[in-house]
N, C-alpha and C. Protein backbone atom coordinates (compact mmCIF):
# COMPACT_ATOMS: atom_id res chain seq x y z
N UNK A 1 15.42 -1.33 15.71
CA UNK A 1 14.57 -2.98 14.31
C UNK A 1 15.16 -4.22 14.39
N UNK A 2 16.30 -3.72 13.64
CA UNK A 2 17.31 -4.80 13.19
C UNK A 2 18.31 -5.53 14.01
N UNK A 3 17.82 -6.58 14.56
CA UNK A 3 18.52 -6.94 15.80
C UNK A 3 20.17 -7.89 15.70
N UNK A 4 19.66 -8.57 13.71
CA UNK A 4 20.49 -9.43 13.42
C UNK A 4 21.00 -8.74 11.98
N UNK A 5 22.03 -8.98 11.47
CA UNK A 5 22.79 -8.55 10.69
C UNK A 5 22.03 -8.72 9.29
N UNK A 6 21.52 -9.90 9.35
CA UNK A 6 20.63 -9.89 7.70
C UNK A 6 19.29 -9.23 7.42
N UNK A 7 18.65 -8.89 8.92
CA UNK A 7 17.85 -8.13 9.18
C UNK A 7 17.99 -6.68 8.18
N UNK A 8 19.83 -6.01 9.10
CA UNK A 8 19.79 -4.81 8.86
C UNK A 8 20.38 -4.65 7.55
N UNK A 9 20.72 -6.13 7.21
CA UNK A 9 21.22 -6.14 5.30
C UNK A 9 20.13 -5.54 4.71
N UNK A 10 19.31 -6.23 5.09
CA UNK A 10 17.76 -5.57 4.25
C UNK A 10 17.34 -4.64 3.86
N UNK A 11 17.33 -4.15 5.61
CA UNK A 11 16.38 -2.96 5.54
C UNK A 11 18.16 -1.84 4.82
N UNK A 12 18.47 -1.72 5.32
CA UNK A 12 19.40 -0.88 4.39
C UNK A 12 19.22 -0.80 3.61
N UNK A 13 19.43 -2.28 2.27
CA UNK A 13 18.51 -2.86 1.10
C UNK A 13 17.24 -1.67 0.81
N UNK A 14 16.65 -2.00 1.76
CA UNK A 14 15.22 -1.14 0.81
C UNK A 14 15.35 0.05 1.02
N UNK A 15 15.65 0.12 2.38
CA UNK A 15 15.42 1.92 2.13
C UNK A 15 16.84 2.51 0.99
N UNK A 16 17.44 2.21 0.49
CA UNK A 16 18.19 2.46 -0.24
C UNK A 16 17.70 2.29 -2.02
N UNK A 17 16.78 1.50 -1.74
CA UNK A 17 15.70 1.42 -2.91
C UNK A 17 14.73 2.83 -3.07
N UNK A 18 14.03 2.15 -2.38
CA UNK A 18 12.65 3.33 -2.08
C UNK A 18 13.44 4.75 -2.10
N UNK A 19 14.56 4.70 -0.98
CA UNK A 19 14.73 6.41 -1.17
C UNK A 19 14.66 6.93 -2.74
N UNK A 20 15.80 5.69 -4.09
CA UNK A 20 16.09 5.50 -5.30
C UNK A 20 14.48 6.04 -6.49
N UNK A 21 13.04 5.71 -5.93
CA UNK A 21 12.21 5.77 -6.43
C UNK A 21 11.95 7.36 -7.16
N UNK A 22 11.60 7.56 -8.56
CA UNK A 22 11.64 9.09 -8.49
C UNK A 22 10.03 9.41 -8.04
N UNK A 23 9.65 10.62 -8.18
CA UNK A 23 8.69 11.32 -7.57
C UNK A 23 8.08 11.04 -9.14
N UNK A 24 6.08 10.04 -8.66
CA UNK A 24 5.73 9.97 -9.30
C UNK A 24 5.32 8.50 -10.66
N UNK A 25 6.53 7.88 -9.51
CA UNK A 25 6.50 6.23 -9.32
C UNK A 25 6.60 5.68 -8.91
N UNK A 26 6.49 4.38 -9.04
CA UNK A 26 5.99 3.34 -7.74
C UNK A 26 6.28 2.31 -7.67
N UNK A 27 7.01 1.31 -7.00
CA UNK A 27 7.44 -0.16 -6.76
C UNK A 27 6.69 -0.96 -6.21
N UNK A 28 6.86 -1.85 -6.37
CA UNK A 28 6.07 -2.86 -5.85
C UNK A 28 6.87 -3.25 -4.81
N UNK A 29 6.60 -3.97 -3.84
CA UNK A 29 7.00 -4.84 -2.66
C UNK A 29 7.53 -6.25 -3.14
N UNK A 30 6.89 -6.66 -4.12
CA UNK A 30 7.86 -8.26 -4.22
C UNK A 30 9.00 -7.35 -5.60
N UNK A 31 8.41 -6.27 -5.95
CA UNK A 31 9.58 -6.21 -7.26
C UNK A 31 10.86 -6.31 -6.09
N UNK A 32 10.14 -5.27 -5.24
CA UNK A 32 11.78 -5.11 -4.25
C UNK A 32 12.34 -6.03 -3.47
N UNK A 33 11.31 -7.12 -3.72
CA UNK A 33 12.01 -8.35 -2.79
C UNK A 33 12.29 -9.17 -3.87
N UNK A 34 12.23 -8.86 -5.05
CA UNK A 34 12.89 -9.99 -5.91
C UNK A 34 14.48 -9.36 -6.16
N UNK A 35 14.08 -8.22 -6.24
CA UNK A 35 15.66 -7.45 -6.58
C UNK A 35 16.62 -7.85 -5.69
N UNK A 36 16.29 -8.63 -3.94
CA UNK A 36 16.92 -8.57 -3.31
C UNK A 36 16.96 -10.04 -2.85
N UNK A 37 16.67 -10.77 -3.17
CA UNK A 37 16.37 -12.16 -3.41
C UNK A 37 15.96 -12.40 -1.71
N UNK A 38 14.65 -11.04 -1.44
CA UNK A 38 13.40 -11.82 -0.04
C UNK A 38 12.04 -11.78 -0.18
N UNK A 39 11.75 -12.11 0.45
CA UNK A 39 9.80 -12.13 0.72
C UNK A 39 9.12 -10.69 0.13
N UNK A 40 8.88 -10.30 -0.37
CA UNK A 40 7.64 -9.54 -0.66
C UNK A 40 7.62 -8.84 0.97
N UNK A 41 7.18 -9.71 1.82
CA UNK A 41 6.43 -9.22 3.39
C UNK A 41 7.46 -8.79 4.17
N UNK A 42 9.11 -9.39 4.10
CA UNK A 42 9.65 -8.31 4.36
C UNK A 42 9.75 -7.27 4.09
N UNK A 43 10.10 -6.45 2.94
CA UNK A 43 9.93 -4.97 2.82
C UNK A 43 9.25 -3.90 3.04
N UNK A 44 7.78 -5.19 2.84
CA UNK A 44 6.98 -4.44 3.53
C UNK A 44 6.46 -3.74 4.99
N UNK A 45 7.27 -4.74 5.57
CA UNK A 45 7.63 -5.29 6.67
C UNK A 45 8.57 -3.91 7.45
N UNK A 46 9.07 -3.97 6.88
CA UNK A 46 10.57 -2.73 7.02
C UNK A 46 9.64 -1.63 7.21
N UNK A 47 8.89 -0.73 5.76
CA UNK A 47 8.75 0.17 6.02
C UNK A 47 7.10 0.00 6.63
N UNK A 48 7.00 -1.02 6.66
CA UNK A 48 4.97 -0.32 8.02
C UNK A 48 6.23 -0.18 8.95
N UNK A 49 7.78 -0.22 9.77
CA UNK A 49 8.37 -0.55 11.04
C UNK A 49 8.96 0.99 11.26
N UNK A 50 8.84 1.74 9.94
CA UNK A 50 9.96 2.64 10.17
C UNK A 50 9.66 3.60 10.84
N UNK A 51 10.31 4.20 11.66
CA UNK A 51 10.21 5.56 12.85
C UNK A 51 9.87 6.99 12.01
N UNK A 52 9.72 8.16 13.33
CA UNK A 52 9.34 9.49 12.62
C UNK A 52 10.37 10.02 11.73
N UNK A 53 11.65 10.09 11.91
CA UNK A 53 12.31 10.85 11.02
C UNK A 53 13.15 10.10 9.86
N UNK A 54 12.77 9.03 10.31
CA UNK A 54 12.66 7.79 8.43
C UNK A 54 11.47 7.80 8.03
N UNK A 55 9.60 7.84 8.23
CA UNK A 55 8.85 8.10 7.82
C UNK A 55 8.77 9.43 6.84
N UNK A 56 9.68 10.66 7.91
CA UNK A 56 9.51 11.82 6.81
C UNK A 56 10.75 12.24 5.69
N UNK A 57 11.52 11.17 5.92
CA UNK A 57 13.06 11.22 4.91
C UNK A 57 13.08 10.30 3.84
N UNK A 58 12.26 9.32 4.31
CA UNK A 58 12.13 8.50 2.18
C UNK A 58 10.79 8.62 2.13
N UNK A 59 10.21 8.47 0.63
CA UNK A 59 9.09 8.46 -0.44
C UNK A 59 8.91 6.82 0.23
N UNK A 60 8.48 6.43 1.60
CA UNK A 60 8.19 5.77 1.72
C UNK A 60 6.64 4.87 0.80
N UNK A 61 5.88 5.46 0.35
CA UNK A 61 4.79 5.45 0.31
C UNK A 61 4.90 5.41 -1.37
N UNK A 62 5.72 5.38 -2.32
CA UNK A 62 5.66 5.55 -3.06
C UNK A 62 6.26 3.24 -3.68
N UNK A 63 5.91 3.16 -2.57
CA UNK A 63 6.05 1.35 -2.71
C UNK A 63 4.69 0.84 -1.74
N UNK A 64 3.88 -0.03 -2.86
CA UNK A 64 2.71 -0.82 -2.80
C UNK A 64 2.73 -2.44 -3.10
N UNK A 65 1.56 -2.61 -2.58
CA UNK A 65 1.53 -3.90 -3.16
C UNK A 65 1.38 -4.46 -4.43
N UNK A 66 1.60 -5.53 -5.04
CA UNK A 66 1.45 -5.90 -5.99
C UNK A 66 0.38 -6.07 -6.83
N UNK A 67 -1.12 -5.74 -6.33
CA UNK A 67 -2.05 -5.24 -6.90
C UNK A 67 -1.76 -4.15 -7.03
N UNK A 68 -1.27 -2.96 -6.66
CA UNK A 68 -1.37 -1.86 -7.04
C UNK A 68 -2.71 -1.46 -5.65
N UNK A 69 -3.29 -1.77 -5.01
CA UNK A 69 -4.08 -1.16 -4.31
C UNK A 69 -3.16 0.14 -2.72
N UNK A 70 -3.81 1.22 -2.35
CA UNK A 70 -3.60 2.50 -2.10
C UNK A 70 -4.71 1.37 -0.57
N UNK A 71 -4.43 1.69 0.33
CA UNK A 71 -5.04 1.50 1.23
C UNK A 71 -5.07 2.42 2.13
N UNK A 72 -4.21 2.57 2.80
CA UNK A 72 -3.78 3.86 3.63
C UNK A 72 -4.10 4.73 3.40
N UNK A 73 -5.16 5.60 4.48
CA UNK A 73 -5.18 7.05 4.09
C UNK A 73 -3.90 7.84 4.22
N UNK A 74 -2.87 7.34 5.07
CA UNK A 74 -1.59 8.63 5.42
C UNK A 74 -0.80 8.21 3.76
N UNK A 75 -1.00 7.27 3.23
CA UNK A 75 0.00 6.85 2.12
C UNK A 75 -0.37 7.63 0.59
N UNK A 76 -1.90 7.63 0.42
CA UNK A 76 -2.68 8.32 -0.10
C UNK A 76 -3.08 9.38 -0.35
N UNK A 77 -2.41 10.45 0.75
CA UNK A 77 -2.81 11.73 1.04
C UNK A 77 -0.76 11.71 0.35
N UNK A 78 -0.35 10.89 0.52
CA UNK A 78 1.34 11.79 0.18
C UNK A 78 1.40 11.58 -1.15
N UNK A 79 0.45 10.06 -1.99
CA UNK A 79 0.92 10.01 -3.16
C UNK A 79 -0.15 11.28 -3.51
N UNK A 80 -0.90 11.76 -3.29
CA UNK A 80 -1.71 12.94 -4.22
C UNK A 80 -0.51 14.36 -3.84
N UNK A 81 -0.07 14.37 -3.07
CA UNK A 81 0.24 15.89 -2.83
C UNK A 81 2.15 15.44 -4.05
N UNK A 82 2.19 14.68 -4.13
CA UNK A 82 2.78 14.75 -5.42
C UNK A 82 2.75 15.12 -6.08
């Protein structure tokens, strides 16, 4: 996915932030974007494009839109399982 050094750095940093979110807590794409000085949509895109092994290893379900709405069934299921 990361074809540029900039995108590779953002992906690395987004994955590190999401991996550090404790169980039972959420973070917004806006908060991730602010922390990394990138647009929130970049964080959302990176998480949306995770491959199978990354999706299983990372608690991606803990990252939500600024309004807190969880509209993806898989995300809702994973959060409920926590």
